[in-house]
Protein backbone atom coordinates (compact mmCIF):
# COMPACT_ATOMS: atom_id res chain seq x y z
CA MET A 1 67.22 -5.59 59.55
CA LYS A 2 65.68 -2.22 60.55
CA LYS A 3 66.15 -2.98 64.25
CA LEU A 4 69.69 -3.96 63.65
CA GLY A 5 70.28 -0.66 61.84
CA LEU A 6 68.82 1.32 64.71
CA LEU A 7 70.97 -0.60 67.16
CA LEU A 8 74.16 0.01 65.15
CA ALA A 9 73.30 3.68 64.86
CA ALA A 10 72.69 3.98 68.58
CA LEU A 11 76.16 2.43 69.19
CA GLY A 12 77.76 4.85 66.66
CA ILE A 13 78.55 2.08 64.12
CA THR A 14 77.97 2.89 60.59
CA HIS A 15 77.12 0.22 58.04
CA THR A 16 76.41 -0.07 54.36
CA VAL A 17 73.14 -1.59 53.18
CA GLN A 18 73.76 -4.02 50.33
CA ALA A 19 71.72 -3.61 47.13
CA GLU A 20 69.46 -6.50 46.22
CA ASP A 21 71.10 -9.24 44.27
CA ILE A 22 69.95 -10.45 40.88
CA THR A 23 69.82 -14.32 40.44
CA VAL A 24 70.04 -15.90 37.00
CA CYS A 25 68.98 -19.56 36.54
CA HIS A 26 69.41 -21.41 33.29
CA ILE A 27 66.41 -23.37 32.14
CA ALA A 28 67.26 -24.77 28.67
CA ASN A 29 68.66 -23.44 25.41
CA ALA A 30 68.16 -19.64 25.61
CA GLY A 31 65.60 -19.92 28.37
CA PHE A 32 66.20 -18.41 31.76
CA TYR A 33 64.55 -17.53 35.05
CA VAL A 34 65.76 -14.29 36.58
CA GLU A 35 64.80 -13.05 40.03
CA SER A 36 65.55 -10.02 42.12
CA GLY A 37 63.91 -8.70 45.34
CA GLY A 38 61.36 -11.51 45.36
CA ALA A 39 60.05 -10.96 41.87
CA GLY A 40 60.82 -13.38 39.05
CA VAL A 41 60.70 -13.36 35.22
CA LEU A 42 60.73 -16.26 32.76
CA ILE A 43 62.46 -15.49 29.41
CA ASP A 44 62.11 -17.93 26.51
CA ALA A 45 61.69 -20.62 29.07
CA VAL A 46 58.16 -22.15 28.86
CA MET A 47 58.84 -24.94 26.33
CA GLN A 48 57.72 -28.51 25.91
CA ARG A 49 57.70 -29.32 22.13
CA ASP A 50 60.81 -30.49 20.30
CA ALA A 51 60.66 -29.06 16.77
CA TYR A 52 64.35 -29.57 15.98
CA ASN A 53 65.04 -33.21 16.48
CA GLY A 54 66.90 -32.63 19.76
CA GLN A 55 69.24 -29.98 18.40
CA PHE A 56 68.15 -27.50 21.15
CA ALA A 57 67.56 -28.47 24.75
CA LEU A 58 64.09 -28.31 26.46
CA PRO A 59 63.24 -28.09 30.12
CA SER A 60 63.09 -31.46 31.74
CA ALA A 61 59.57 -32.78 32.74
CA GLY A 62 60.35 -31.99 36.43
CA THR A 63 61.38 -28.39 35.71
CA LEU A 64 58.43 -27.79 33.42
CA LYS A 65 56.09 -29.18 36.15
CA ASP A 66 57.74 -26.86 38.68
CA ILE A 67 57.31 -23.92 36.30
CA ASN A 68 53.63 -24.71 35.63
CA GLU A 69 52.78 -25.37 39.28
CA GLY A 70 54.77 -22.35 40.64
CA ASN A 71 56.95 -24.62 42.76
CA ASN A 72 60.18 -23.68 44.54
CA ARG A 73 61.89 -20.68 42.81
CA PHE A 74 58.98 -20.30 40.40
CA SER A 75 56.57 -19.24 43.13
CA ASN A 76 57.79 -15.70 42.50
CA VAL A 77 57.09 -15.46 38.74
CA LYS A 78 55.26 -12.27 37.87
CA LEU A 79 56.16 -11.85 34.23
CA ALA A 80 57.09 -14.07 31.19
CA VAL A 81 58.40 -12.85 27.88
CA ALA A 82 59.34 -14.53 24.61
CA THR A 83 61.80 -12.90 22.23
CA HIS A 84 60.33 -14.38 18.97
CA ILE A 85 58.18 -17.12 17.55
CA HIS A 86 60.88 -19.72 16.61
CA ALA A 87 60.05 -22.99 18.31
CA ASP A 88 63.21 -23.09 20.33
CA HIS A 89 62.19 -19.94 22.09
CA PHE A 90 58.39 -19.89 22.12
CA ASP A 91 55.88 -22.71 22.54
CA ALA A 92 52.28 -21.52 22.25
CA ALA A 93 50.64 -24.60 23.79
CA ALA A 94 53.09 -24.62 26.72
CA SER A 95 52.53 -20.94 27.24
CA VAL A 96 48.75 -21.37 27.31
CA GLN A 97 49.04 -24.16 29.81
CA HIS A 98 51.28 -21.98 32.00
CA MET A 99 48.78 -19.18 31.83
CA LYS A 100 45.94 -21.39 32.84
CA GLN A 101 47.79 -22.60 35.93
CA ASN A 102 49.32 -19.14 36.75
CA PRO A 103 46.67 -16.43 36.17
CA MET A 104 48.79 -13.75 37.96
CA VAL A 105 51.60 -14.07 35.48
CA ARG A 106 51.58 -11.61 32.60
CA TYR A 107 53.08 -12.33 29.19
CA LEU A 108 54.74 -9.95 26.68
CA LEU A 109 55.10 -11.35 23.13
CA THR A 110 55.82 -10.42 19.54
CA PRO A 111 52.60 -9.92 17.57
CA LYS A 112 53.02 -13.33 15.76
CA SER A 113 53.61 -15.17 18.98
CA PHE A 114 50.51 -13.51 20.52
CA ASP A 115 48.44 -14.47 17.47
CA ALA A 116 49.56 -18.17 18.01
CA LEU A 117 47.88 -18.34 21.42
CA SER A 118 44.29 -18.74 20.41
CA PRO A 119 44.96 -21.59 17.96
CA ALA A 120 46.89 -23.25 20.72
CA GLY A 121 43.85 -23.23 23.00
CA ALA A 122 43.86 -19.93 24.75
CA GLY A 123 40.42 -18.75 25.92
CA GLU A 124 40.07 -16.11 28.61
CA GLU A 125 43.83 -16.59 29.28
CA ILE A 126 44.41 -14.38 26.26
CA SER A 127 43.84 -11.46 28.58
CA HIS A 128 47.00 -12.42 30.40
CA ALA A 129 49.17 -11.61 27.41
CA ALA A 130 50.00 -8.58 25.28
CA ALA A 131 51.52 -8.10 21.90
CA VAL A 132 54.18 -5.47 21.80
CA ARG A 133 53.78 -3.39 18.68
CA HIS A 134 56.63 -1.02 17.49
CA THR A 135 55.69 1.94 15.42
CA THR A 136 59.16 3.60 15.48
CA ASP A 137 62.72 2.56 15.91
CA THR A 138 62.83 3.64 19.49
CA PRO A 139 62.24 1.11 22.24
CA VAL A 140 58.71 0.60 23.72
CA THR A 141 58.56 0.93 27.51
CA ILE A 142 56.01 -1.00 29.48
CA LYS A 143 55.29 -0.75 33.21
CA GLN A 144 53.98 -3.94 34.74
CA ASP A 145 53.62 -5.02 38.40
CA GLY A 146 56.58 -2.81 39.48
CA PHE A 147 58.73 -3.90 36.47
CA THR A 148 59.97 -1.61 33.75
CA VAL A 149 60.29 -3.41 30.46
CA ASP A 150 62.10 -1.68 27.55
CA VAL A 151 61.50 -3.62 24.30
CA TYR A 152 64.04 -3.14 21.51
CA GLN A 153 63.91 -4.41 17.90
CA VAL A 154 67.06 -6.59 17.49
CA ASP A 155 67.83 -7.84 14.05
CA HIS A 156 67.67 -11.66 13.70
CA GLY A 157 68.75 -11.75 10.08
CA GLU A 158 67.12 -11.56 6.64
CA LYS A 159 63.70 -13.27 6.45
CA ALA A 160 63.77 -14.09 10.14
CA PRO A 161 60.70 -13.20 12.20
CA THR A 162 60.57 -10.19 14.43
CA ASN A 163 62.92 -10.51 17.36
CA PHE A 164 62.71 -8.48 20.54
CA GLY A 165 65.47 -7.64 23.02
CA TYR A 166 64.05 -7.09 26.50
CA LYS A 167 65.61 -4.95 29.11
CA ILE A 168 63.74 -5.87 32.33
CA THR A 169 64.31 -3.64 35.37
CA PHE A 170 63.05 -5.24 38.52
CA PRO A 171 61.34 -3.34 41.37
CA SER A 172 64.67 -3.77 43.22
CA GLY A 173 66.41 -1.65 40.54
CA LYS A 174 68.48 -4.54 39.12
CA SER A 175 68.18 -5.20 35.41
CA VAL A 176 68.62 -8.03 32.86
CA PHE A 177 68.78 -7.78 29.02
CA HIS A 178 67.97 -10.81 26.85
CA THR A 179 68.79 -10.20 23.17
CA GLY A 180 66.95 -13.21 21.77
CA ASP A 181 68.61 -14.37 18.61
CA ILE A 182 70.83 -11.76 17.15
CA THR A 183 72.73 -11.03 13.94
CA ALA A 184 72.51 -7.23 14.23
CA SER A 185 75.23 -4.79 13.10
CA LEU A 186 76.35 -2.07 15.41
CA GLU A 187 74.57 0.44 13.17
CA SER A 188 71.35 -1.47 13.54
CA LEU A 189 71.65 -1.75 17.30
CA LYS A 190 72.30 1.91 17.66
CA LYS A 191 69.45 2.78 15.23
CA HIS A 192 67.11 0.92 17.54
CA GLY A 193 68.26 2.69 20.68
CA LEU A 194 71.09 0.58 22.02
CA ASN A 195 74.10 2.75 22.77
CA LYS A 196 76.17 1.64 25.90
CA THR A 197 72.85 0.82 27.52
CA GLN A 198 73.40 0.18 31.21
CA VAL A 199 72.39 -3.34 32.40
CA ASP A 200 73.42 -5.61 35.21
CA VAL A 201 73.26 -8.88 33.32
CA LEU A 202 73.33 -9.36 29.57
CA LEU A 203 72.12 -12.68 28.22
CA ILE A 204 73.42 -13.03 24.59
CA PRO A 205 73.94 -15.96 22.21
CA PHE A 206 77.38 -17.47 22.05
CA TRP A 207 77.80 -16.94 18.33
CA TYR A 208 77.58 -13.14 18.71
CA LEU A 209 80.38 -13.27 21.18
CA LEU A 210 82.48 -15.26 18.77
CA GLN A 211 81.76 -13.24 15.73
CA ASN A 212 80.74 -9.63 16.87
CA SER A 213 82.21 -9.20 20.29
CA ALA A 214 83.48 -5.67 19.41
CA ASN A 215 79.84 -4.51 19.06
CA VAL A 216 78.89 -5.60 22.57
CA PRO A 217 80.50 -2.94 24.71
CA GLU A 218 79.35 -0.26 22.17
CA ALA A 219 75.69 -1.36 22.54
CA TRP A 220 75.63 -2.41 26.23
CA ASN A 221 77.38 -1.33 29.34
CA ALA A 222 76.93 -4.70 31.08
CA SER A 223 78.27 -5.64 34.54
CA THR A 224 77.96 -9.36 33.80
CA ILE A 225 77.70 -11.20 30.46
CA VAL A 226 76.17 -14.67 30.18
CA PRO A 227 76.55 -16.65 26.91
CA THR A 228 73.40 -18.45 25.80
CA HIS A 229 71.90 -20.83 23.21
CA PHE A 230 74.51 -23.64 23.33
CA MET A 231 73.27 -26.57 21.33
CA ALA A 232 72.14 -29.80 23.02
CA LYS A 233 74.18 -31.90 20.62
CA GLU A 234 77.76 -31.66 19.43
CA GLN A 235 77.94 -30.19 15.94
CA GLU A 236 80.52 -30.99 13.25
CA TRP A 237 81.60 -27.34 12.92
CA MET A 238 82.57 -27.27 16.52
CA ALA A 239 85.55 -29.52 15.97
CA GLN A 240 87.67 -26.60 14.69
CA TYR A 241 87.15 -24.92 18.08
CA GLY A 242 87.78 -28.01 20.29
CA GLY A 243 84.24 -29.25 20.44
CA MET A 244 81.37 -27.99 22.56
CA GLU A 245 83.62 -27.14 25.52
CA GLY A 246 85.95 -25.20 23.21
CA VAL A 247 83.06 -23.13 21.92
CA LYS A 248 81.92 -22.41 25.48
CA LYS A 249 85.44 -21.37 26.47
CA LEU A 250 85.80 -19.09 23.44
CA ALA A 251 82.39 -17.40 24.19
CA GLN A 252 83.42 -16.89 27.79
CA ASN A 253 86.85 -15.56 26.83
CA ALA A 254 85.40 -12.83 24.66
CA PHE A 255 85.00 -10.89 27.91
CA PRO A 256 86.93 -12.92 30.52
CA GLU A 257 86.50 -10.40 33.35
CA LYS A 258 82.74 -10.14 32.89
CA SER A 259 81.59 -13.38 31.36
CA VAL A 260 80.01 -16.15 33.43
CA LEU A 261 78.79 -19.55 32.17
CA ILE A 262 75.34 -20.68 33.43
CA ASP A 263 74.57 -23.49 31.11
CA GLU A 264 73.20 -26.38 33.16
CA GLU A 265 69.47 -26.86 33.81
CA MET A 266 68.57 -24.97 37.10
CA GLN A 267 72.10 -23.81 37.64
CA CYS A 268 71.75 -20.51 39.32
CA LYS A 269 74.21 -17.66 40.12
CA SER A 270 73.70 -14.39 41.91
CA PHE A 271 75.32 -11.08 41.18
């Protein structure tokens, strides 16, 4: 590319260098793999235990094997994060196994998720993980392997465990924000530092787009919005919306010019 640029300059031809893309791949439920500039992040993706009788999807055995062995796309994973301890987002045993097979990957977790690692069999692997501890309402910023990770407190509802929203900025400059589970009011989002926060890709549960879409552009200035957390099984309440496909369509139509569905296992799209 450098030689091509020199040649074009010598010929008096100007050209524009394209910025690095960001690629988003769905794993299962609210789990994603996101990559930019040859660096990858797993978010709520390292799962193997079904704690909800099939209500929420899990990675297939083949995808989990690829994640653990660092095969194919997963050879570039540098960082893994979990938004909260609920079993459809965080699996301590699966995370420990992933750490054992991928010692270069670093984990960022809520304090309760971090504390679950040792009972799940973590030994020296515990050094690969860190608990993010908030002492104020402002986001915590962590620098790791060229990434900048801004960790926000995002309300998950009364009596729910601590839930983090992660804004992950890649070494390429591209960014992704995963809200985890969210029921937060606009006031709560702003209190914790989200005020038209710039991000390339926003990953957010479908129900928030259906019920609180007006809050989204006030809290995030997102170039692309990806609805997440669609159930694995059709639910009775979905009938009023035209079933699962109707729910997906409504979530996407909350922001039709920005919203993109990425809801099949290992379906990937670049932006």
